[in-house]
Amino acid sequence: MNKYKARIPTFETHSNVNKLESLSTTLFWNFSLIRNFNLFRVSNFVFNVLLFLFVPSYANAHLVTTGMGPVYDGIGHLLLTPEDLVPVLTLALYAGMRGAVAGRRTMFLLPTAWFIGGIAGAAWDITTTLPIPAISFLILGGLVAADFCVSASAVAGLVIAVGFVHGILNGAVLQDGAGTLGLVGIMTMLFVIVTLTSAFVVSLKKAWARIAVRVAGSWVASIGLLMFGWAMR
């Protein structure tokens, strides 16, 4: 009898351990479901934003007129032109994924390169048949989706190239309207967008949050592929 009595506490201990293991397993799966649901919600929100930005982007080479002066015309042109705005956002996401140093450099280099390109575009009156927006969507979206790791200096070179090319296209549009002051407005808005977006991405520490950013990049790349195919038809 003493032998059986000694085993009773051991049996109860094993039962409690099993209950704790069952409870921990249940909590783990519930947490996984909640995390996956939150990832789906964030990804769906980003997709809807990109879709909203892409829908009104019909071919239009005219400057957006706000009626509040050339600086605001430049700001409105950037915010209402998805061919420029989406690459800027995507580039800011990529800079943020590469760290705080790359984000800070992008914050200053992109507006500067855009302004210089705009001055050059207004002076040279350059026109091209290349689908520049589609190429930007495809390359930048692919870099974000792949989370391609490069140095901060390489990111700076990419930023200068993108800013200069898109600035040239903007300069050709602004030369008959807002002019240099319009470029100043674009520079200001670029600084704000890059600062907020890259800082937000740098602050992301959870793995699922970075995955959501990469998903957004894959959608941008997919849109760029469609745009490229449409331009080459």
C-alpha atoms as a PDB file:
ATOM      1  CA  MET A   1       0.000   0.000   0.000  1.00  0.00           C
ATOM      2  CA  ASN A   2       2.810   2.394   0.805  1.00  0.00           C
ATOM      3  CA  LYS A   3       4.243   1.764  -2.616  1.00  0.00           C
ATOM      4  CA  TYR A   4       1.004   2.744  -4.339  1.00  0.00           C
ATOM      5  CA  LYS A   5       0.512   5.782  -2.155  1.00  0.00           C
ATOM      6  CA  ALA A   6       3.954   7.045  -3.090  1.00  0.00           C
ATOM      7  CA  ARG A   7       3.079   6.914  -6.747  1.00  0.00           C
ATOM      8  CA  ILE A   8      -0.089   9.005  -6.473  1.00  0.00           C
ATOM      9  CA  PRO A   9       1.677  12.447  -6.341  1.00  0.00           C
ATOM     10  CA  THR A  10       3.832  11.467  -9.306  1.00  0.00           C
ATOM     11  CA  PHE A  11       0.727  10.672 -11.336  1.00  0.00           C
ATOM     12  CA  GLU A  12      -0.831  14.025 -10.435  1.00  0.00           C
ATOM     13  CA  THR A  13       2.389  15.831 -11.340  1.00  0.00           C
ATOM     14  CA  HIS A  14       2.488  14.197 -14.765  1.00  0.00           C
ATOM     15  CA  SER A  15      -1.172  15.118 -15.254  1.00  0.00           C
ATOM     16  CA  ASN A  16      -0.459  18.772 -14.454  1.00  0.00           C
ATOM     17  CA  VAL A  17       2.513  18.776 -16.811  1.00  0.00           C
ATOM     18  CA  ASN A  18       0.354  17.369 -19.596  1.00  0.00           C
ATOM     19  CA  LYS A  19      -2.255  20.024 -18.958  1.00  0.00           C
ATOM     20  CA  LEU A  20       0.378  22.771 -19.097  1.00  0.00           C
ATOM     21  CA  GLU A  21       1.795  21.383 -22.332  1.00  0.00           C
ATOM     22  CA  SER A  22      -1.695  21.236 -23.845  1.00  0.00           C
ATOM     23  CA  LEU A  23      -2.409  24.816 -22.746  1.00  0.00           C
ATOM     24  CA  SER A  24       0.919  26.103 -24.120  1.00  0.00           C
ATOM     25  CA  THR A  25       0.290  24.358 -27.445  1.00  0.00           C
ATOM     26  CA  THR A  26      -3.174  25.906 -27.676  1.00  0.00           C
ATOM     27  CA  LEU A  27      -1.820  29.367 -26.877  1.00  0.00           C
ATOM     28  CA  PHE A  28       0.937  28.962 -29.461  1.00  0.00           C
ATOM     29  CA  TRP A  29      -1.491  28.094 -32.244  1.00  0.00           C
ATOM     30  CA  ASN A  30      -3.846  30.903 -31.253  1.00  0.00           C
ATOM     31  CA  PHE A  31      -0.945  33.370 -31.340  1.00  0.00           C
ATOM     32  CA  SER A  32       0.101  32.051 -34.754  1.00  0.00           C
ATOM     33  CA  LEU A  33      -3.424  32.485 -36.100  1.00  0.00           C
ATOM     34  CA  ILE A  34      -3.637  36.047 -34.740  1.00  0.00           C
ATOM     35  CA  ARG A  35      -0.219  36.921 -36.182  1.00  0.00           C
ATOM     36  CA  ASN A  36      -1.119  35.507 -39.606  1.00  0.00           C
ATOM     37  CA  PHE A  37      -4.447  37.347 -39.534  1.00  0.00           C
ATOM     38  CA  ASN A  38      -2.697  40.638 -38.729  1.00  0.00           C
ATOM     39  CA  LEU A  39      -0.235  40.013 -41.573  1.00  0.00           C
ATOM     40  CA  PHE A  40      -3.150  39.441 -43.936  1.00  0.00           C
ATOM     41  CA  ARG A  41      -4.834  42.668 -42.808  1.00  0.00           C
ATOM     42  CA  VAL A  42      -1.666  44.735 -43.269  1.00  0.00           C
ATOM     43  CA  SER A  43      -0.975  43.178 -46.678  1.00  0.00           C
ATOM     44  CA  ASN A  44      -4.556  43.773 -47.785  1.00  0.00           C
ATOM     45  CA  PHE A  45      -4.375  47.416 -46.683  1.00  0.00           C
ATOM     46  CA  VAL A  46      -1.124  47.997 -48.595  1.00  0.00           C
ATOM     47  CA  PHE A  47      -2.600  46.343 -51.683  1.00  0.00           C
ATOM     48  CA  ASN A  48      -5.696  48.563 -51.556  1.00  0.00           C
ATOM     49  CA  VAL A  49      -3.512  51.670 -51.245  1.00  0.00           C
ATOM     50  CA  LEU A  50      -1.435  50.647 -54.256  1.00  0.00           C
ATOM     51  CA  LEU A  51      -4.568  49.837 -56.220  1.00  0.00           C
ATOM     52  CA  PHE A  52      -6.059  53.233 -55.374  1.00  0.00           C
ATOM     53  CA  LEU A  53      -2.884  54.959 -56.516  1.00  0.00           C
ATOM     54  CA  PHE A  54      -2.651  52.974 -59.727  1.00  0.00           C
ATOM     55  CA  VAL A  55      -6.242  53.242 -60.968  1.00  0.00           C
ATOM     56  CA  PRO A  56      -6.264  56.979 -61.872  1.00  0.00           C
ATOM     57  CA  SER A  57      -2.882  56.823 -63.620  1.00  0.00           C
ATOM     58  CA  TYR A  58      -3.990  57.278 -67.199  1.00  0.00           C
ATOM     59  CA  ALA A  59      -1.502  58.707 -69.668  1.00  0.00           C
ATOM     60  CA  ASN A  60      -1.308  62.411 -68.994  1.00  0.00           C
ATOM     61  CA  ALA A  61       1.724  64.599 -69.580  1.00  0.00           C
ATOM     62  CA  HIS A  62       0.121  67.791 -68.282  1.00  0.00           C
ATOM     63  CA  LEU A  63       0.884  69.487 -65.001  1.00  0.00           C
ATOM     64  CA  VAL A  64      -1.625  69.237 -62.183  1.00  0.00           C
ATOM     65  CA  THR A  65      -2.918  72.730 -61.378  1.00  0.00           C
ATOM     66  CA  THR A  66      -4.022  73.368 -57.799  1.00  0.00           C
ATOM     67  CA  GLY A  67      -4.687  77.112 -58.091  1.00  0.00           C
ATOM     68  CA  MET A  68      -2.475  77.782 -55.040  1.00  0.00           C
ATOM     69  CA  GLY A  69       0.767  78.658 -56.796  1.00  0.00           C
ATOM     70  CA  PRO A  70       3.625  76.827 -58.500  1.00  0.00           C
ATOM     71  CA  VAL A  71       5.023  75.229 -55.318  1.00  0.00           C
ATOM     72  CA  TYR A  72       1.711  73.570 -54.536  1.00  0.00           C
ATOM     73  CA  ASP A  73       1.336  72.641 -58.199  1.00  0.00           C
ATOM     74  CA  GLY A  74       4.601  70.714 -57.909  1.00  0.00           C
ATOM     75  CA  ILE A  75       3.418  68.995 -54.726  1.00  0.00           C
ATOM     76  CA  GLY A  76       0.108  68.114 -56.339  1.00  0.00           C
ATOM     77  CA  HIS A  77       1.867  66.808 -59.435  1.00  0.00           C
ATOM     78  CA  LEU A  78       3.904  64.358 -57.359  1.00  0.00           C
ATOM     79  CA  LEU A  79       1.034  63.208 -55.151  1.00  0.00           C
ATOM     80  CA  LEU A  80      -1.367  62.724 -58.071  1.00  0.00           C
ATOM     81  CA  THR A  81       1.093  61.010 -60.413  1.00  0.00           C
ATOM     82  CA  PRO A  82       1.407  57.325 -59.455  1.00  0.00           C
ATOM     83  CA  GLU A  83       4.201  56.868 -62.029  1.00  0.00           C
ATOM     84  CA  ASP A  84       6.352  59.011 -59.720  1.00  0.00           C
ATOM     85  CA  LEU A  85       4.777  58.497 -56.313  1.00  0.00           C
ATOM     86  CA  VAL A  86       4.840  54.689 -56.224  1.00  0.00           C
ATOM     87  CA  PRO A  87       8.536  54.430 -57.184  1.00  0.00           C
ATOM     88  CA  VAL A  88       9.346  57.036 -54.516  1.00  0.00           C
ATOM     89  CA  LEU A  89       7.461  55.075 -51.866  1.00  0.00           C
ATOM     90  CA  THR A  90       9.041  51.816 -52.998  1.00  0.00           C
ATOM     91  CA  LEU A  91      12.520  53.333 -52.972  1.00  0.00           C
ATOM     92  CA  ALA A  92      11.890  54.665 -49.460  1.00  0.00           C
ATOM     93  CA  LEU A  93      10.772  51.195 -48.355  1.00  0.00           C
ATOM     94  CA  TYR A  94      13.933  49.672 -49.770  1.00  0.00           C
ATOM     95  CA  ALA A  95      16.158  52.297 -48.155  1.00  0.00           C
ATOM     96  CA  GLY A  96      14.482  51.645 -44.818  1.00  0.00           C
ATOM     97  CA  MET A  97      15.030  47.902 -45.204  1.00  0.00           C
ATOM     98  CA  ARG A  98      18.741  48.556 -45.710  1.00  0.00           C
ATOM     99  CA  GLY A  99      19.036  50.441 -42.441  1.00  0.00           C
ATOM    100  CA  ALA A 100      19.110  53.899 -40.898  1.00  0.00           C
ATOM    101  CA  VAL A 101      22.231  55.037 -42.764  1.00  0.00           C
ATOM    102  CA  ALA A 102      20.730  54.248 -46.169  1.00  0.00           C
ATOM    103  CA  GLY A 103      17.484  55.914 -45.126  1.00  0.00           C
ATOM    104  CA  ARG A 104      19.221  59.128 -44.080  1.00  0.00           C
ATOM    105  CA  ARG A 105      21.195  59.294 -47.316  1.00  0.00           C
ATOM    106  CA  THR A 106      18.066  58.703 -49.377  1.00  0.00           C
ATOM    107  CA  MET A 107      16.296  61.458 -47.459  1.00  0.00           C
ATOM    108  CA  PHE A 108      18.722  64.054 -48.843  1.00  0.00           C
ATOM    109  CA  LEU A 109      19.991  62.508 -52.081  1.00  0.00           C
ATOM    110  CA  LEU A 110      16.643  61.778 -53.719  1.00  0.00           C
ATOM    111  CA  PRO A 111      15.257  65.359 -53.586  1.00  0.00           C
ATOM    112  CA  THR A 112      18.606  66.757 -54.706  1.00  0.00           C
ATOM    113  CA  ALA A 113      18.982  64.375 -57.651  1.00  0.00           C
ATOM    114  CA  TRP A 114      15.330  64.946 -58.601  1.00  0.00           C
ATOM    115  CA  PHE A 115      15.820  68.714 -58.616  1.00  0.00           C
ATOM    116  CA  ILE A 116      19.011  68.524 -60.718  1.00  0.00           C
ATOM    117  CA  GLY A 117      17.299  66.161 -63.139  1.00  0.00           C
ATOM    118  CA  GLY A 118      14.325  68.510 -63.345  1.00  0.00           C
ATOM    119  CA  ILE A 119      16.552  71.450 -64.226  1.00  0.00           C
ATOM    120  CA  ALA A 120      18.276  69.337 -66.885  1.00  0.00           C
ATOM    121  CA  GLY A 121      14.957  68.110 -68.287  1.00  0.00           C
ATOM    122  CA  ALA A 122      13.589  71.642 -68.544  1.00  0.00           C
ATOM    123  CA  ALA A 123      16.770  72.855 -70.274  1.00  0.00           C
ATOM    124  CA  TRP A 124      17.280  69.973 -72.684  1.00  0.00           C
ATOM    125  CA  ASP A 125      13.605  69.197 -73.425  1.00  0.00           C
ATOM    126  CA  ILE A 126      14.341  65.469 -73.435  1.00  0.00           C
ATOM    127  CA  THR A 127      11.706  63.020 -74.654  1.00  0.00           C
ATOM    128  CA  THR A 128      11.951  59.241 -74.618  1.00  0.00           C
ATOM    129  CA  THR A 129       9.872  56.289 -75.737  1.00  0.00           C
ATOM    130  CA  LEU A 130      11.222  54.044 -72.996  1.00  0.00           C
ATOM    131  CA  PRO A 131       8.620  52.979 -70.392  1.00  0.00           C
ATOM    132  CA  ILE A 132      10.560  54.563 -67.519  1.00  0.00           C
ATOM    133  CA  PRO A 133       7.755  54.201 -64.917  1.00  0.00           C
ATOM    134  CA  ALA A 134       7.317  50.510 -65.743  1.00  0.00           C
ATOM    135  CA  ILE A 135      11.059  49.905 -65.426  1.00  0.00           C
ATOM    136  CA  SER A 136      11.131  51.723 -62.078  1.00  0.00           C
ATOM    137  CA  PHE A 137       8.165  49.733 -60.780  1.00  0.00           C
ATOM    138  CA  LEU A 138       9.745  46.454 -61.879  1.00  0.00           C
ATOM    139  CA  ILE A 139      13.275  47.061 -60.570  1.00  0.00           C
ATOM    140  CA  LEU A 140      12.412  48.768 -57.279  1.00  0.00           C
ATOM    141  CA  GLY A 141       9.548  46.419 -56.508  1.00  0.00           C
ATOM    142  CA  GLY A 142      11.781  43.437 -57.234  1.00  0.00           C
ATOM    143  CA  LEU A 143      14.489  44.744 -54.897  1.00  0.00           C
ATOM    144  CA  VAL A 144      11.990  45.180 -52.062  1.00  0.00           C
ATOM    145  CA  ALA A 145      10.355  41.794 -52.665  1.00  0.00           C
ATOM    146  CA  ALA A 146      13.706  40.016 -52.714  1.00  0.00           C
ATOM    147  CA  ASP A 147      15.030  42.047 -49.759  1.00  0.00           C
ATOM    148  CA  PHE A 148      18.221  42.280 -51.795  1.00  0.00           C
ATOM    149  CA  CYS A 149      21.073  43.154 -49.450  1.00  0.00           C
ATOM    150  CA  VAL A 150      23.482  45.822 -50.710  1.00  0.00           C
ATOM    151  CA  SER A 151      25.627  48.444 -49.051  1.00  0.00           C
ATOM    152  CA  ALA A 152      24.406  51.932 -48.178  1.00  0.00           C
ATOM    153  CA  SER A 153      26.660  53.337 -50.918  1.00  0.00           C
ATOM    154  CA  ALA A 154      24.981  51.135 -53.531  1.00  0.00           C
ATOM    155  CA  VAL A 155      21.576  52.308 -52.303  1.00  0.00           C
ATOM    156  CA  ALA A 156      22.771  55.904 -52.643  1.00  0.00           C
ATOM    157  CA  GLY A 157      23.803  55.276 -56.248  1.00  0.00           C
ATOM    158  CA  LEU A 158      20.412  53.757 -57.020  1.00  0.00           C
ATOM    159  CA  VAL A 159      18.671  56.717 -55.388  1.00  0.00           C
ATOM    160  CA  ILE A 160      20.658  59.226 -57.452  1.00  0.00           C
ATOM    161  CA  ALA A 161      19.889  57.358 -60.690  1.00  0.00           C
ATOM    162  CA  VAL A 162      16.156  57.075 -59.991  1.00  0.00           C
ATOM    163  CA  GLY A 163      15.884  60.680 -58.828  1.00  0.00           C
ATOM    164  CA  PHE A 164      17.775  62.065 -61.811  1.00  0.00           C
ATOM    165  CA  VAL A 165      15.802  60.084 -64.418  1.00  0.00           C
ATOM    166  CA  HIS A 166      12.390  60.871 -62.936  1.00  0.00           C
ATOM    167  CA  GLY A 167      13.477  64.466 -62.404  1.00  0.00           C
ATOM    168  CA  ILE A 168      14.246  64.802 -66.105  1.00  0.00           C
ATOM    169  CA  LEU A 169      10.743  63.592 -66.960  1.00  0.00           C
ATOM    170  CA  ASN A 170       9.215  66.018 -64.459  1.00  0.00           C
ATOM    171  CA  GLY A 171      11.311  68.910 -65.744  1.00  0.00           C
ATOM    172  CA  ALA A 172       9.978  68.414 -69.256  1.00  0.00           C
ATOM    173  CA  VAL A 173       6.425  68.639 -67.873  1.00  0.00           C
ATOM    174  CA  LEU A 174       7.028  71.585 -65.527  1.00  0.00           C
ATOM    175  CA  GLN A 175       8.913  73.818 -67.950  1.00  0.00           C
ATOM    176  CA  ASP A 176       5.685  75.250 -69.389  1.00  0.00           C
ATOM    177  CA  GLY A 177       3.972  75.561 -66.024  1.00  0.00           C
ATOM    178  CA  ALA A 178       5.289  75.718 -62.478  1.00  0.00           C
ATOM    179  CA  GLY A 179       8.938  75.721 -63.524  1.00  0.00           C
ATOM    180  CA  THR A 180      11.659  75.797 -60.877  1.00  0.00           C
ATOM    181  CA  LEU A 181       9.261  76.571 -58.042  1.00  0.00           C
ATOM    182  CA  GLY A 182       7.305  73.458 -58.966  1.00  0.00           C
ATOM    183  CA  LEU A 183      10.505  71.445 -58.585  1.00  0.00           C
ATOM    184  CA  VAL A 184      11.000  73.026 -55.154  1.00  0.00           C
ATOM    185  CA  GLY A 185       7.549  71.793 -54.167  1.00  0.00           C
ATOM    186  CA  ILE A 186       8.397  68.301 -55.402  1.00  0.00           C
ATOM    187  CA  MET A 187      11.674  68.372 -53.462  1.00  0.00           C
ATOM    188  CA  THR A 188       9.852  69.296 -50.272  1.00  0.00           C
ATOM    189  CA  MET A 189       7.308  66.514 -50.661  1.00  0.00           C
ATOM    190  CA  LEU A 190      10.002  63.986 -51.522  1.00  0.00           C
ATOM    191  CA  PHE A 191      11.868  64.823 -48.327  1.00  0.00           C
ATOM    192  CA  VAL A 192       8.739  64.350 -46.227  1.00  0.00           C
ATOM    193  CA  ILE A 193       7.699  61.079 -47.912  1.00  0.00           C
ATOM    194  CA  VAL A 194      11.149  59.504 -47.746  1.00  0.00           C
ATOM    195  CA  THR A 195      11.711  60.587 -44.147  1.00  0.00           C
ATOM    196  CA  LEU A 196       8.435  59.165 -42.851  1.00  0.00           C
ATOM    197  CA  THR A 197       8.431  55.982 -44.927  1.00  0.00           C
ATOM    198  CA  SER A 198      12.047  54.951 -44.426  1.00  0.00           C
ATOM    199  CA  ALA A 199      11.909  55.750 -40.692  1.00  0.00           C
ATOM    200  CA  PHE A 200       8.775  53.624 -40.367  1.00  0.00           C
ATOM    201  CA  VAL A 201      10.446  50.646 -42.053  1.00  0.00           C
ATOM    202  CA  VAL A 202      13.611  51.016 -39.974  1.00  0.00           C
ATOM    203  CA  SER A 203      11.483  50.850 -36.825  1.00  0.00           C
ATOM    204  CA  LEU A 204       9.958  47.504 -37.831  1.00  0.00           C
ATOM    205  CA  LYS A 205      11.449  44.718 -35.731  1.00  0.00           C
ATOM    206  CA  LYS A 206       8.941  41.901 -36.185  1.00  0.00           C
ATOM    207  CA  ALA A 207       9.610  39.403 -38.953  1.00  0.00           C
ATOM    208  CA  TRP A 208       5.997  39.459 -40.128  1.00  0.00           C
ATOM    209  CA  ALA A 209       6.129  43.254 -40.578  1.00  0.00           C
ATOM    210  CA  ARG A 210       9.133  43.027 -42.896  1.00  0.00           C
ATOM    211  CA  ILE A 211       7.363  40.246 -44.794  1.00  0.00           C
ATOM    212  CA  ALA A 212       4.407  42.605 -45.298  1.00  0.00           C
ATOM    213  CA  VAL A 213       6.802  45.200 -46.764  1.00  0.00           C
ATOM    214  CA  ARG A 214       8.231  42.569 -49.113  1.00  0.00           C
ATOM    215  CA  VAL A 215       4.721  41.579 -50.186  1.00  0.00           C
ATOM    216  CA  ALA A 216       4.026  45.222 -51.049  1.00  0.00           C
ATOM    217  CA  GLY A 217       7.207  45.234 -53.138  1.00  0.00           C
ATOM    218  CA  SER A 218       6.095  42.140 -55.007  1.00  0.00           C
ATOM    219  CA  TRP A 219       2.826  43.849 -55.907  1.00  0.00           C
ATOM    220  CA  VAL A 220       4.704  46.887 -57.210  1.00  0.00           C
ATOM    221  CA  ALA A 221       6.899  44.607 -59.324  1.00  0.00           C
ATOM    222  CA  SER A 222       3.812  42.816 -60.658  1.00  0.00           C
ATOM    223  CA  ILE A 223       2.207  46.125 -61.628  1.00  0.00           C
ATOM    224  CA  GLY A 224       5.468  47.144 -63.311  1.00  0.00           C
ATOM    225  CA  LEU A 225       5.494  43.922 -65.317  1.00  0.00           C
ATOM    226  CA  LEU A 226       1.943  44.592 -66.498  1.00  0.00           C
ATOM    227  CA  MET A 227       2.828  48.190 -67.374  1.00  0.00           C
ATOM    228  CA  PHE A 228       5.920  47.028 -69.262  1.00  0.00           C
ATOM    229  CA  GLY A 229       3.898  44.497 -71.232  1.00  0.00           C
ATOM    230  CA  TRP A 230       1.260  47.126 -72.019  1.00  0.00           C
ATOM    231  CA  ALA A 231       3.934  49.558 -73.238  1.00  0.00           C
ATOM    232  CA  MET A 232       5.546  46.881 -75.447  1.00  0.00           C
ATOM    233  CA  ARG A 233       2.297  45.675 -77.029  1.00  0.00           C
END
